[in-house]
N, C-alpha and C. Protein backbone atom coordinates (compact mmCIF):
# COMPACT_ATOMS: atom_id res chain seq x y z
N MET A 1 1.07 -1.24 -0.03
CA MET A 1 0.06 0.07 -0.04
C MET A 1 0.94 1.07 -0.23
N LEU A 2 0.61 2.44 -0.86
CA LEU A 2 1.51 3.41 -0.74
C LEU A 2 1.05 4.36 0.24
N LYS A 3 2.00 5.05 0.69
CA LYS A 3 1.54 6.01 1.64
C LYS A 3 2.09 7.37 1.36
N LEU A 4 1.11 8.34 1.98
CA LEU A 4 1.00 9.91 1.29
C LEU A 4 1.84 10.37 2.67
N LEU A 5 2.96 11.25 2.08
CA LEU A 5 3.80 12.21 3.04
C LEU A 5 2.79 13.10 3.59
N SER A 6 3.11 13.50 4.74
CA SER A 6 2.67 14.62 5.16
C SER A 6 3.08 15.86 4.58
N ALA A 7 2.07 17.03 4.96
CA ALA A 7 2.60 18.56 4.29
C ALA A 7 4.21 18.86 4.90
N THR A 8 4.31 18.52 6.20
CA THR A 8 5.56 18.73 6.69
C THR A 8 6.88 18.12 6.25
N ASP A 9 6.40 16.76 5.78
CA ASP A 9 7.46 15.62 5.31
C ASP A 9 7.59 16.41 3.79
N LEU A 10 6.55 16.72 2.93
CA LEU A 10 6.79 17.50 1.77
C LEU A 10 7.76 18.58 2.02
N GLN A 11 7.18 19.56 2.74
CA GLN A 11 8.07 20.83 2.68
C GLN A 11 9.88 20.70 3.17
N ALA A 12 9.84 19.79 4.03
CA ALA A 12 11.10 19.24 4.21
C ALA A 12 12.00 18.70 2.93
N LYS A 13 11.20 17.74 2.36
CA LYS A 13 11.80 17.29 0.84
C LYS A 13 12.39 18.58 -0.02
N ILE A 14 11.48 19.35 -0.11
CA ILE A 14 11.66 20.70 -0.99
C ILE A 14 12.65 21.39 -0.51
N ALA A 15 12.93 21.45 1.04
CA ALA A 15 14.03 22.36 1.43
C ALA A 15 15.44 21.85 1.34
N GLN A 16 15.18 20.26 1.40
CA GLN A 16 16.67 19.82 1.25
C GLN A 16 16.64 19.68 -0.02
N ALA A 17 15.84 19.72 -1.10
CA ALA A 17 16.42 19.65 -2.36
C ALA A 17 16.94 21.08 -2.67
N GLU A 18 16.32 21.97 -2.05
CA GLU A 18 16.78 23.43 -2.49
C GLU A 18 18.37 23.56 -1.85
N LYS A 19 18.42 23.17 -0.48
CA LYS A 19 19.82 23.08 -0.07
C LYS A 19 20.89 22.48 -1.01
N ASP A 20 20.54 21.16 -1.38
CA ASP A 20 21.17 20.51 -2.44
C ASP A 20 21.44 21.34 -3.86
N ARG A 21 20.59 21.80 -4.13
CA ARG A 21 20.78 22.76 -5.33
C ARG A 21 21.87 23.96 -5.33
N VAL A 22 21.50 24.72 -3.92
CA VAL A 22 22.56 25.71 -3.91
C VAL A 22 24.01 25.02 -3.26
N SER A 23 23.98 24.14 -2.68
CA SER A 23 25.67 23.27 -2.61
C SER A 23 25.91 23.02 -3.77
N ALA A 24 25.05 22.62 -4.89
CA ALA A 24 25.88 22.41 -6.36
C ALA A 24 26.26 23.51 -7.37
N VAL A 25 25.56 24.37 -6.76
CA VAL A 25 25.70 26.10 -7.48
C VAL A 25 27.12 26.52 -6.94
N ASN A 26 27.13 26.48 -5.59
CA ASN A 26 28.41 27.20 -4.81
C ASN A 26 29.57 26.22 -4.92
N ALA A 27 29.34 24.83 -5.37
CA ALA A 27 30.56 23.82 -6.04
C ALA A 27 31.13 24.18 -7.32
N ALA A 28 30.00 24.41 -7.99
CA ALA A 28 30.35 24.88 -9.39
C ALA A 28 31.12 26.28 -9.59
N GLU A 29 30.46 27.05 -8.95
CA GLU A 29 31.30 28.51 -9.03
C GLU A 29 32.56 28.32 -8.34
N ALA A 30 32.67 27.74 -7.52
CA ALA A 30 34.10 27.53 -6.43
C ALA A 30 35.19 27.01 -7.62
N GLU A 31 34.51 25.87 -8.32
CA GLU A 31 35.44 25.12 -9.19
C GLU A 31 35.83 26.13 -10.36
N LYS A 32 34.80 27.00 -10.92
CA LYS A 32 35.14 27.53 -11.65
C LYS A 32 35.99 28.70 -11.68
N LYS A 33 35.97 29.63 -10.13
CA LYS A 33 36.96 30.54 -9.48
C LYS A 33 38.16 29.72 -9.70
N GLU A 34 38.31 28.59 -9.48
CA GLU A 34 39.82 27.75 -9.33
C GLU A 34 40.28 27.74 -10.55
N PHE A 35 39.33 27.24 -11.54
CA PHE A 35 39.65 27.11 -12.67
C PHE A 35 40.54 28.66 -13.50
N ILE A 36 39.88 29.71 -13.18
CA ILE A 36 39.98 31.11 -13.67
C ILE A 36 41.31 31.52 -13.08
N ASP A 37 41.44 31.21 -11.83
CA ASP A 37 42.84 31.53 -11.01
C ASP A 37 43.81 30.84 -11.67
N ARG A 38 43.83 29.35 -12.02
CA ARG A 38 44.62 28.58 -12.49
C ARG A 38 45.41 29.10 -13.97
N ILE A 39 44.22 29.26 -14.67
CA ILE A 39 44.58 29.60 -15.98
C ILE A 39 44.81 31.50 -16.30
N SER A 40 44.61 32.07 -15.26
CA SER A 40 45.20 33.15 -15.34
C SER A 40 46.50 33.64 -15.06
N LYS A 41 47.17 32.54 -14.74
CA LYS A 41 48.58 32.61 -14.43
C LYS A 41 49.72 31.49 -15.53
N PRO A 42 50.55 31.77 -15.88
CA PRO A 42 51.56 30.94 -16.68
C PRO A 42 51.81 29.55 -16.19
N SER A 43 51.53 28.52 -17.20
CA SER A 43 51.45 27.21 -16.35
C SER A 43 52.78 26.72 -15.86
N GLY A 44 53.84 27.44 -16.08
CA GLY A 44 55.27 26.65 -15.61
C GLY A 44 55.62 25.65 -16.67
N LEU A 45 54.96 25.12 -17.45
CA LEU A 45 55.73 23.94 -18.23
C LEU A 45 56.75 24.33 -18.99
N SER A 46 57.64 23.33 -19.35
CA SER A 46 58.66 23.44 -20.06
C SER A 46 58.14 23.31 -21.66
N ASP A 47 58.74 23.76 -22.67
CA ASP A 47 58.43 23.82 -23.96
C ASP A 47 58.24 22.30 -24.23
N ASP A 48 59.29 21.52 -23.87
CA ASP A 48 58.99 19.81 -23.94
C ASP A 48 57.63 19.34 -23.58
N GLN A 49 57.53 19.61 -22.48
CA GLN A 49 56.21 19.15 -21.75
C GLN A 49 54.88 19.99 -22.32
N LEU A 50 55.01 20.87 -23.03
CA LEU A 50 54.19 21.65 -24.06
C LEU A 50 54.03 20.67 -25.06
N VAL A 51 55.06 20.38 -25.82
CA VAL A 51 54.89 19.59 -27.01
C VAL A 51 54.21 18.34 -26.92
N GLU A 52 54.85 17.76 -25.61
CA GLU A 52 54.14 16.42 -25.24
C GLU A 52 52.58 16.54 -25.15
N LYS A 53 52.15 17.43 -24.61
CA LYS A 53 50.61 17.86 -24.20
C LYS A 53 50.02 17.91 -25.50
N ALA A 54 50.65 19.10 -26.46
CA ALA A 54 49.99 19.27 -27.86
C ALA A 54 49.96 17.78 -28.68
N SER A 55 51.09 17.37 -28.75
CA SER A 55 51.08 15.86 -29.50
C SER A 55 50.06 14.73 -29.07
N LEU A 56 49.74 14.91 -27.78
CA LEU A 56 48.61 14.12 -27.37
C LEU A 56 47.10 14.67 -27.98
N VAL A 57 46.96 15.69 -27.62
CA VAL A 57 45.69 16.55 -27.95
C VAL A 57 45.51 16.26 -29.78
N ILE A 58 46.63 16.54 -30.43
CA ILE A 58 46.56 16.31 -31.71
C ILE A 58 46.43 15.05 -32.48
N ALA A 59 47.22 14.03 -31.68
CA ALA A 59 46.87 12.40 -31.99
C ALA A 59 45.43 12.13 -31.74
N ARG A 60 44.76 12.29 -30.47
CA ARG A 60 43.59 11.74 -30.18
C ARG A 60 42.60 12.47 -31.34
N ALA A 61 42.78 13.90 -31.81
CA ALA A 61 42.08 14.42 -32.74
C ALA A 61 41.93 13.50 -34.02
N VAL A 62 43.22 13.58 -34.49
CA VAL A 62 43.46 12.47 -35.69
C VAL A 62 42.97 11.10 -35.59
N ASP A 63 42.97 10.77 -34.66
CA ASP A 63 42.30 9.35 -34.27
C ASP A 63 40.98 9.38 -34.69
N ASN A 64 40.14 10.53 -34.22
CA ASN A 64 39.07 10.55 -34.34
C ASN A 64 38.61 11.48 -35.78
N ARG A 65 39.42 11.27 -36.60
CA ARG A 65 39.23 11.93 -37.98
C ARG A 65 38.63 13.23 -38.20
N LEU A 66 39.21 13.98 -37.11
CA LEU A 66 39.14 15.35 -36.94
C LEU A 66 40.42 16.40 -37.46
N THR A 67 39.97 17.55 -38.21
CA THR A 67 41.04 18.42 -38.70
C THR A 67 41.42 19.71 -37.91
N SER A 68 40.55 19.74 -36.67
CA SER A 68 40.65 20.65 -35.78
C SER A 68 40.08 20.10 -34.31
N VAL A 69 40.38 21.28 -33.55
CA VAL A 69 40.14 20.75 -32.14
C VAL A 69 40.15 21.97 -31.10
N GLU A 70 39.23 21.96 -30.20
CA GLU A 70 38.96 23.18 -29.52
C GLU A 70 39.93 22.87 -28.17
N VAL A 71 41.03 23.46 -27.86
CA VAL A 71 42.08 23.35 -26.92
C VAL A 71 41.76 23.69 -25.82
N LEU A 72 41.09 25.22 -25.65
CA LEU A 72 40.60 25.93 -24.37
C LEU A 72 39.63 26.67 -24.79
N ARG A 73 38.91 26.81 -23.61
CA ARG A 73 37.50 27.89 -23.73
C ARG A 73 37.63 28.33 -22.30
N PHE A 74 37.71 29.93 -22.20
CA PHE A 74 38.13 30.54 -20.94
C PHE A 74 37.07 31.73 -21.25
N PRO A 75 36.91 32.32 -19.91
CA PRO A 75 35.92 33.60 -19.64
C PRO A 75 36.84 34.69 -20.39
N ASN A 76 35.76 35.46 -21.20
CA ASN A 76 36.46 36.61 -21.59
C ASN A 76 37.28 37.54 -20.74
N SER A 77 37.25 37.37 -19.37
CA SER A 77 37.66 38.35 -18.48
C SER A 77 39.07 38.10 -18.37
N LEU A 78 39.51 36.92 -18.87
CA LEU A 78 40.90 36.88 -18.78
C LEU A 78 41.76 37.66 -20.05
N CYS A 79 40.99 38.59 -20.90
CA CYS A 79 41.49 39.53 -21.77
C CYS A 79 41.04 40.87 -21.30
N THR A 80 42.41 41.65 -21.60
CA THR A 80 42.33 42.58 -20.91
C THR A 80 41.21 43.92 -21.30
N ASP A 81 40.38 43.47 -22.50
CA ASP A 81 39.52 44.18 -23.12
C ASP A 81 38.13 43.37 -22.78
N MET A 82 38.19 42.22 -22.29
CA MET A 82 36.80 41.38 -22.09
C MET A 82 36.43 40.81 -23.52
N GLY A 83 37.57 40.51 -24.57
CA GLY A 83 37.26 39.93 -25.74
C GLY A 83 36.87 40.81 -26.53
N ARG A 84 36.87 42.08 -26.63
CA ARG A 84 36.35 42.95 -27.69
C ARG A 84 37.18 42.87 -29.08
N ALA A 85 38.62 42.91 -28.80
CA ALA A 85 39.38 42.99 -29.87
C ALA A 85 39.27 41.48 -30.68
N ILE A 86 39.14 40.49 -29.99
CA ILE A 86 38.96 39.17 -30.66
C ILE A 86 37.89 39.21 -31.48
N ASP A 87 36.70 39.86 -30.70
CA ASP A 87 35.34 39.97 -31.24
C ASP A 87 35.28 40.44 -32.83
N GLN A 88 35.86 41.62 -32.53
CA GLN A 88 35.92 42.75 -33.64
C GLN A 88 37.30 42.27 -34.68
N GLY A 89 38.00 41.44 -34.51
CA GLY A 89 38.99 40.82 -35.35
C GLY A 89 39.83 42.14 -35.45
N GLU A 90 40.27 43.00 -34.39
CA GLU A 90 41.16 44.19 -34.75
C GLU A 90 42.51 43.50 -34.56
N ALA A 91 43.26 44.40 -35.18
CA ALA A 91 44.87 44.16 -35.37
C ALA A 91 45.22 44.10 -33.87
N GLY A 92 46.44 43.41 -33.34
CA GLY A 92 46.78 43.45 -32.16
C GLY A 92 45.92 42.80 -31.09
N TRP A 93 44.77 42.11 -31.41
CA TRP A 93 44.38 41.68 -30.54
C TRP A 93 44.98 40.32 -29.47
N GLU A 94 46.22 39.85 -29.88
CA GLU A 94 46.69 39.22 -29.10
C GLU A 94 47.35 39.74 -27.80
N GLU A 95 47.62 41.02 -28.14
CA GLU A 95 48.15 41.72 -26.91
C GLU A 95 47.12 42.05 -25.54
N THR A 96 46.08 41.58 -25.87
CA THR A 96 45.12 41.64 -24.93
C THR A 96 45.02 40.14 -24.07
N LEU A 97 45.32 39.35 -24.71
CA LEU A 97 45.89 37.89 -23.88
C LEU A 97 46.52 38.00 -22.51
N THR A 98 46.10 37.23 -21.57
CA THR A 98 46.85 36.95 -20.28
C THR A 98 47.23 35.78 -20.28
N GLY A 99 47.89 35.03 -19.07
CA GLY A 99 47.94 33.71 -18.60
C GLY A 99 48.18 32.79 -19.63
N ILE A 100 47.48 31.53 -19.28
CA ILE A 100 47.63 30.27 -20.47
C ILE A 100 47.10 30.69 -21.46
N PRO A 101 46.15 31.56 -22.10
CA PRO A 101 45.79 31.80 -23.32
C PRO A 101 46.93 32.20 -24.19
N LYS A 102 47.54 33.52 -23.33
CA LYS A 102 48.73 33.97 -23.94
C LYS A 102 49.80 33.11 -24.42
N GLU A 103 50.28 32.10 -23.11
CA GLU A 103 51.45 30.85 -23.31
C GLU A 103 50.86 30.21 -24.61
N ILE A 104 49.58 29.85 -24.88
CA ILE A 104 49.34 28.91 -25.98
C ILE A 104 49.82 29.60 -27.25
N ARG A 105 49.58 30.75 -27.24
CA ARG A 105 49.70 31.51 -28.38
C ARG A 105 51.03 31.58 -28.62
N GLN A 106 51.80 31.77 -27.73
CA GLN A 106 53.60 32.15 -28.04
C GLN A 106 53.98 30.74 -28.25
N PHE A 107 53.53 29.61 -27.50
CA PHE A 107 53.86 28.22 -27.82
C PHE A 107 53.69 27.88 -29.27
N TRP A 108 52.15 28.08 -29.73
CA TRP A 108 52.10 27.92 -31.18
C TRP A 108 52.88 28.89 -32.27
N GLN A 109 53.32 29.83 -31.95
CA GLN A 109 54.12 30.89 -32.80
C GLN A 109 55.39 30.07 -32.75
N ARG A 110 56.04 29.59 -31.80
CA ARG A 110 57.24 29.01 -31.70
C ARG A 110 57.34 27.65 -32.52
N HIS A 111 56.25 26.66 -32.20
CA HIS A 111 56.58 25.37 -32.47
C HIS A 111 55.54 25.03 -33.52
N LEU A 112 54.14 25.16 -33.60
CA LEU A 112 53.25 24.93 -34.44
C LEU A 112 53.03 25.60 -35.84
N GLU A 113 52.87 26.81 -35.56
CA GLU A 113 52.98 27.72 -36.94
C GLU A 113 53.85 27.40 -37.88
N PRO A 114 55.12 27.29 -37.49
CA PRO A 114 56.22 26.89 -38.40
C PRO A 114 55.65 25.38 -39.42
N LEU A 115 55.00 24.90 -38.53
CA LEU A 115 54.70 23.24 -38.98
C LEU A 115 53.63 23.65 -40.02
N GLY A 116 52.62 24.71 -39.82
CA GLY A 116 51.44 24.85 -40.74
C GLY A 116 50.36 24.55 -39.96
N TYR A 117 50.16 24.54 -38.59
CA TYR A 117 49.13 24.60 -37.86
C TYR A 117 48.59 26.11 -37.48
N ASP A 118 46.99 26.14 -37.62
CA ASP A 118 46.53 27.13 -37.57
C ASP A 118 45.69 27.23 -36.22
N LEU A 119 45.74 28.53 -35.45
CA LEU A 119 45.23 28.79 -34.10
C LEU A 119 44.28 29.62 -34.23
N LYS A 120 43.03 29.66 -33.78
CA LYS A 120 42.12 30.93 -34.24
C LYS A 120 41.66 30.96 -32.55
N TYR A 121 41.28 32.28 -32.14
CA TYR A 121 40.80 32.43 -30.93
C TYR A 121 39.43 33.23 -31.42
N GLN A 122 38.22 32.93 -30.76
CA GLN A 122 37.22 33.33 -31.15
C GLN A 122 36.15 33.59 -30.16
N ILE A 123 35.08 34.37 -30.05
CA ILE A 123 34.03 34.39 -28.93
C ILE A 123 33.28 32.92 -29.41
N ALA A 124 33.04 31.85 -28.56
CA ALA A 124 32.31 30.88 -28.53
C ALA A 124 31.05 30.93 -28.35
N ASP A 125 30.42 31.80 -27.51
CA ASP A 125 28.84 32.32 -27.10
C ASP A 125 28.82 33.41 -26.88
N ARG A 126 27.26 33.74 -26.59
CA ARG A 126 26.70 34.87 -26.32
C ARG A 126 25.61 34.76 -25.82
N PRO A 127 25.72 34.29 -24.36
CA PRO A 127 24.64 34.50 -23.41
C PRO A 127 23.96 35.76 -23.10
N GLY A 128 22.54 35.43 -23.63
CA GLY A 128 21.78 36.82 -23.50
C GLY A 128 22.19 37.92 -24.40
N GLY A 129 22.77 37.59 -25.38
CA GLY A 129 23.30 38.55 -26.49
C GLY A 129 24.51 39.27 -26.09
N VAL A 130 25.33 38.94 -24.69
CA VAL A 130 26.49 39.43 -24.41
C VAL A 130 27.72 38.63 -24.63
N ARG A 131 28.89 39.07 -25.10
CA ARG A 131 29.97 38.39 -25.71
C ARG A 131 30.56 37.55 -24.56
N GLY A 132 30.54 36.36 -24.94
CA GLY A 132 30.92 35.16 -23.77
C GLY A 132 32.10 34.41 -23.63
N ASP A 133 32.52 33.40 -23.72
CA ASP A 133 33.79 32.63 -23.74
C ASP A 133 34.40 32.80 -24.85
N VAL A 134 35.72 32.90 -24.97
CA VAL A 134 36.56 32.70 -25.65
C VAL A 134 37.23 31.33 -26.11
N ALA A 135 36.96 30.77 -27.33
CA ALA A 135 37.47 29.18 -27.85
C ALA A 135 38.91 29.48 -28.46
N LEU A 136 39.90 28.83 -28.20
CA LEU A 136 41.21 28.63 -28.96
C LEU A 136 40.97 27.03 -29.83
N VAL A 137 40.90 27.43 -31.20
CA VAL A 137 40.47 26.56 -31.88
C VAL A 137 41.97 26.13 -32.91
N LEU A 138 42.66 24.80 -32.46
CA LEU A 138 43.64 24.44 -33.45
C LEU A 138 43.61 23.62 -34.63
N SER A 139 43.77 24.24 -35.67
CA SER A 139 43.38 23.18 -36.63
C SER A 139 44.67 23.01 -37.85
N TRP A 140 44.54 21.94 -38.57
CA TRP A 140 45.63 21.53 -39.54
C TRP A 140 45.05 20.97 -40.75
N ALA A 141 44.27 21.40 -41.21
CA ALA A 141 43.73 21.24 -42.76
C ALA A 141 43.90 22.32 -43.45
C-alpha cells in the first residue's frame, strides 16, 4: 500500500532539494573560480612538456578523423578588454591575452605555426546577447 507524505514531510523534502541545489551551484562556482585562477597565470611547463601535451591532443583528434580541435575555452575576463578586440578581429588583439591563453599563442608561434598549424581565438558563445567565452581552436587542414 502506498503511503502519502504529510505536508511537513513534503516541505522538508523541498527544503532539502533546495539546499542540495544551492550546494551544487556553490561547488560549481568554486570550481570555476579555481579554473580561472589557475589559467590566469603561466603554467610553468617547459616547451618539452607543452610539445608532449600538444602531441597527445593532436593525435587523439586525428584518431577521431578531426582536422581541428578546441584546445581551451576561457572566460573573456582573461582578456584585458573582455574579448572585444578578438570579437572585432582588430589588429593587435593578441596583446589583450593573459595567462595560459597568452602562453598557448606564444607556444603555437614557436612550434606549431612553422609546421602549418592554425590557431584561432574566437568568441564561442553569447549568453543573453553578451560576449561570452573565448575558444581556442587548433587546426591543421
